[in-house]
Amino acid sequence: MMEQLIKAIVAPLVEHPEQIELQIREHDGIVTYSLSVHSDDKGKVIGKQGSVAKAIRTVVNASASYRNQKVYVEIS
């Protein structure tokens, strides 16, 4: 569910949506999503001063808090 949300947010932002990769790690009830995109798209996903990345994290955290989960999103 959360993977689909992240991909749905990121796909329209990038030029190479087929290269969106998402790895999931869970440890002590905390889920970490590691998002990687094509090197040309990295700046678009991060945004100026991290504004797009912050917005992505805000939406994902809001969805996770609704489900009483702790979630981190890493962008590489």
N, C-alpha and C. Protein backbone atom coordinates (compact mmCIF):
# COMPACT_ATOMS: atom_id res chain seq x y z
N MET A 1 0.82 -1.19 0.00
CA MET A 1 0.00 0.00 0.00
C MET A 1 0.87 1.25 0.00
N MET A 2 1.80 1.34 0.95
CA MET A 2 2.66 2.52 1.05
C MET A 2 3.58 2.62 -0.17
N GLU A 3 4.02 1.47 -0.69
CA GLU A 3 4.88 1.47 -1.88
C GLU A 3 4.16 2.10 -3.05
N GLN A 4 2.89 1.76 -3.21
CA GLN A 4 2.09 2.31 -4.30
C GLN A 4 1.93 3.81 -4.14
N LEU A 5 1.75 4.28 -2.93
CA LEU A 5 1.61 5.71 -2.67
C LEU A 5 2.89 6.45 -3.06
N ILE A 6 4.03 5.93 -2.64
CA ILE A 6 5.30 6.59 -2.95
C ILE A 6 5.53 6.62 -4.45
N LYS A 7 5.31 5.50 -5.12
CA LYS A 7 5.50 5.45 -6.57
C LYS A 7 4.52 6.36 -7.30
N ALA A 8 3.29 6.46 -6.81
CA ALA A 8 2.29 7.32 -7.44
C ALA A 8 2.66 8.80 -7.30
N ILE A 9 3.32 9.15 -6.21
CA ILE A 9 3.75 10.53 -6.02
C ILE A 9 4.97 10.84 -6.90
N VAL A 10 5.91 9.92 -6.95
CA VAL A 10 7.19 10.17 -7.62
C VAL A 10 7.09 10.03 -9.14
N ALA A 11 6.31 9.11 -9.65
CA ALA A 11 6.27 8.82 -11.09
C ALA A 11 5.99 10.06 -11.96
N PRO A 12 5.04 10.92 -11.62
CA PRO A 12 4.82 12.09 -12.48
C PRO A 12 5.94 13.13 -12.44
N LEU A 13 6.81 13.04 -11.45
CA LEU A 13 7.88 14.02 -11.29
C LEU A 13 9.10 13.70 -12.14
N VAL A 14 9.27 12.45 -12.53
CA VAL A 14 10.51 12.01 -13.18
C VAL A 14 10.32 11.76 -14.67
N GLU A 15 11.44 11.79 -15.39
CA GLU A 15 11.42 11.49 -16.82
C GLU A 15 11.59 10.00 -17.10
N HIS A 16 12.08 9.27 -16.13
CA HIS A 16 12.33 7.83 -16.29
C HIS A 16 11.57 7.06 -15.21
N PRO A 17 10.23 7.01 -15.27
CA PRO A 17 9.48 6.33 -14.21
C PRO A 17 9.73 4.83 -14.13
N GLU A 18 10.22 4.25 -15.23
CA GLU A 18 10.50 2.81 -15.21
C GLU A 18 11.72 2.48 -14.34
N GLN A 19 12.51 3.49 -13.98
CA GLN A 19 13.70 3.26 -13.17
C GLN A 19 13.50 3.62 -11.70
N ILE A 20 12.26 3.76 -11.29
CA ILE A 20 11.98 3.99 -9.87
C ILE A 20 12.14 2.66 -9.15
N GLU A 21 12.99 2.64 -8.14
CA GLU A 21 13.19 1.44 -7.35
C GLU A 21 12.93 1.77 -5.89
N LEU A 22 12.27 0.87 -5.23
CA LEU A 22 11.92 1.08 -3.83
C LEU A 22 12.29 -0.17 -3.04
N GLN A 23 13.18 0.01 -2.07
CA GLN A 23 13.57 -1.10 -1.20
C GLN A 23 12.96 -0.85 0.17
N ILE A 24 12.53 -1.91 0.80
CA ILE A 24 11.83 -1.80 2.08
C ILE A 24 12.60 -2.58 3.14
N ARG A 25 12.87 -1.90 4.27
CA ARG A 25 13.50 -2.55 5.41
C ARG A 25 12.64 -2.29 6.63
N GLU A 26 12.49 -3.30 7.45
CA GLU A 26 11.73 -3.15 8.68
C GLU A 26 12.60 -3.60 9.85
N HIS A 27 12.61 -2.75 10.90
CA HIS A 27 13.40 -3.07 12.08
C HIS A 27 12.72 -2.45 13.29
N ASP A 28 12.38 -3.27 14.25
CA ASP A 28 11.74 -2.83 15.49
C ASP A 28 10.46 -2.04 15.24
N GLY A 29 9.68 -2.47 14.27
CA GLY A 29 8.41 -1.81 13.98
C GLY A 29 8.53 -0.53 13.18
N ILE A 30 9.74 -0.16 12.78
CA ILE A 30 9.96 1.03 11.96
C ILE A 30 10.26 0.56 10.54
N VAL A 31 9.52 1.10 9.58
CA VAL A 31 9.70 0.73 8.19
C VAL A 31 10.45 1.85 7.48
N THR A 32 11.53 1.47 6.77
CA THR A 32 12.32 2.43 6.00
C THR A 32 12.17 2.10 4.53
N TYR A 33 11.76 3.09 3.76
CA TYR A 33 11.64 2.96 2.31
C TYR A 33 12.81 3.69 1.68
N SER A 34 13.63 2.97 0.92
CA SER A 34 14.77 3.57 0.23
C SER A 34 14.39 3.73 -1.23
N LEU A 35 14.23 4.97 -1.64
CA LEU A 35 13.80 5.29 -2.99
C LEU A 35 15.01 5.66 -3.82
N SER A 36 15.15 5.04 -4.98
CA SER A 36 16.22 5.43 -5.90
C SER A 36 15.60 5.66 -7.27
N VAL A 37 16.10 6.70 -7.94
CA VAL A 37 15.61 7.07 -9.27
C VAL A 37 16.81 7.26 -10.17
N HIS A 38 16.55 7.44 -11.45
CA HIS A 38 17.60 7.72 -12.43
C HIS A 38 18.38 8.96 -11.99
N SER A 39 19.66 8.98 -12.25
CA SER A 39 20.51 10.09 -11.79
C SER A 39 20.04 11.45 -12.32
N ASP A 40 19.45 11.48 -13.52
CA ASP A 40 18.94 12.74 -14.08
C ASP A 40 17.71 13.24 -13.33
N ASP A 41 17.01 12.35 -12.66
CA ASP A 41 15.75 12.70 -11.98
C ASP A 41 15.92 13.01 -10.50
N LYS A 42 17.10 12.79 -9.97
CA LYS A 42 17.32 12.95 -8.53
C LYS A 42 16.97 14.37 -8.06
N GLY A 43 17.39 15.36 -8.81
CA GLY A 43 17.13 16.74 -8.43
C GLY A 43 15.65 17.08 -8.43
N LYS A 44 14.90 16.47 -9.34
CA LYS A 44 13.46 16.72 -9.40
C LYS A 44 12.74 16.13 -8.20
N VAL A 45 13.21 14.99 -7.74
CA VAL A 45 12.58 14.33 -6.59
C VAL A 45 12.96 15.03 -5.29
N ILE A 46 14.17 15.57 -5.22
CA ILE A 46 14.59 16.27 -4.01
C ILE A 46 14.05 17.69 -3.99
N GLY A 47 14.11 18.40 -5.11
CA GLY A 47 13.59 19.76 -5.18
C GLY A 47 14.55 20.77 -4.58
N LYS A 48 14.22 22.04 -4.76
CA LYS A 48 15.06 23.11 -4.21
C LYS A 48 15.03 23.05 -2.69
N GLN A 49 16.21 22.99 -2.12
CA GLN A 49 16.39 22.91 -0.67
C GLN A 49 15.59 21.77 -0.05
N GLY A 50 15.36 20.72 -0.84
CA GLY A 50 14.67 19.54 -0.32
C GLY A 50 13.18 19.68 -0.17
N SER A 51 12.58 20.68 -0.82
CA SER A 51 11.15 20.93 -0.63
C SER A 51 10.26 19.79 -1.13
N VAL A 52 10.60 19.20 -2.27
CA VAL A 52 9.79 18.09 -2.79
C VAL A 52 9.96 16.86 -1.91
N ALA A 53 11.18 16.58 -1.50
CA ALA A 53 11.44 15.44 -0.61
C ALA A 53 10.69 15.59 0.70
N LYS A 54 10.67 16.81 1.25
CA LYS A 54 9.93 17.05 2.49
C LYS A 54 8.44 16.82 2.29
N ALA A 55 7.91 17.24 1.15
CA ALA A 55 6.49 17.05 0.86
C ALA A 55 6.15 15.56 0.73
N ILE A 56 7.02 14.81 0.06
CA ILE A 56 6.82 13.36 -0.06
C ILE A 56 6.80 12.72 1.31
N ARG A 57 7.76 13.08 2.14
CA ARG A 57 7.83 12.52 3.49
C ARG A 57 6.62 12.90 4.33
N THR A 58 6.13 14.11 4.16
CA THR A 58 4.95 14.56 4.91
C THR A 58 3.73 13.73 4.56
N VAL A 59 3.51 13.50 3.27
CA VAL A 59 2.35 12.72 2.83
C VAL A 59 2.47 11.28 3.31
N VAL A 60 3.65 10.69 3.17
CA VAL A 60 3.86 9.30 3.59
C VAL A 60 3.70 9.17 5.10
N ASN A 61 4.25 10.11 5.86
CA ASN A 61 4.12 10.05 7.32
C ASN A 61 2.67 10.25 7.76
N ALA A 62 1.93 11.08 7.06
CA ALA A 62 0.51 11.27 7.39
C ALA A 62 -0.26 9.97 7.16
N SER A 63 0.02 9.31 6.07
CA SER A 63 -0.63 8.04 5.79
C SER A 63 -0.23 6.97 6.81
N ALA A 64 1.04 6.95 7.18
CA ALA A 64 1.53 5.97 8.15
C ALA A 64 0.96 6.23 9.54
N SER A 65 0.85 7.48 9.93
CA SER A 65 0.32 7.78 11.26
C SER A 65 -1.15 7.40 11.38
N TYR A 66 -1.85 7.45 10.27
CA TYR A 66 -3.24 7.00 10.24
C TYR A 66 -3.32 5.52 10.58
N ARG A 67 -2.27 4.78 10.22
CA ARG A 67 -2.21 3.33 10.49
C ARG A 67 -1.36 3.01 11.72
N ASN A 68 -0.98 4.03 12.48
CA ASN A 68 -0.14 3.87 13.68
C ASN A 68 1.19 3.20 13.37
N GLN A 69 1.82 3.63 12.28
CA GLN A 69 3.12 3.10 11.88
C GLN A 69 4.17 4.21 11.94
N LYS A 70 5.41 3.83 12.07
CA LYS A 70 6.54 4.76 12.01
C LYS A 70 7.27 4.46 10.71
N VAL A 71 7.41 5.48 9.86
CA VAL A 71 7.96 5.28 8.51
C VAL A 71 9.01 6.35 8.22
N TYR A 72 10.08 5.93 7.56
CA TYR A 72 11.11 6.84 7.05
C TYR A 72 11.22 6.65 5.54
N VAL A 73 11.49 7.73 4.83
CA VAL A 73 11.72 7.67 3.40
C VAL A 73 13.11 8.23 3.12
N GLU A 74 13.97 7.40 2.54
CA GLU A 74 15.32 7.82 2.14
C GLU A 74 15.34 7.94 0.63
N ILE A 75 15.99 8.98 0.14
CA ILE A 75 16.09 9.17 -1.30
C ILE A 75 17.56 9.10 -1.69
N SER A 76 17.86 8.21 -2.63
CA SER A 76 19.26 8.10 -3.08
C SER A 76 19.31 8.00 -4.59
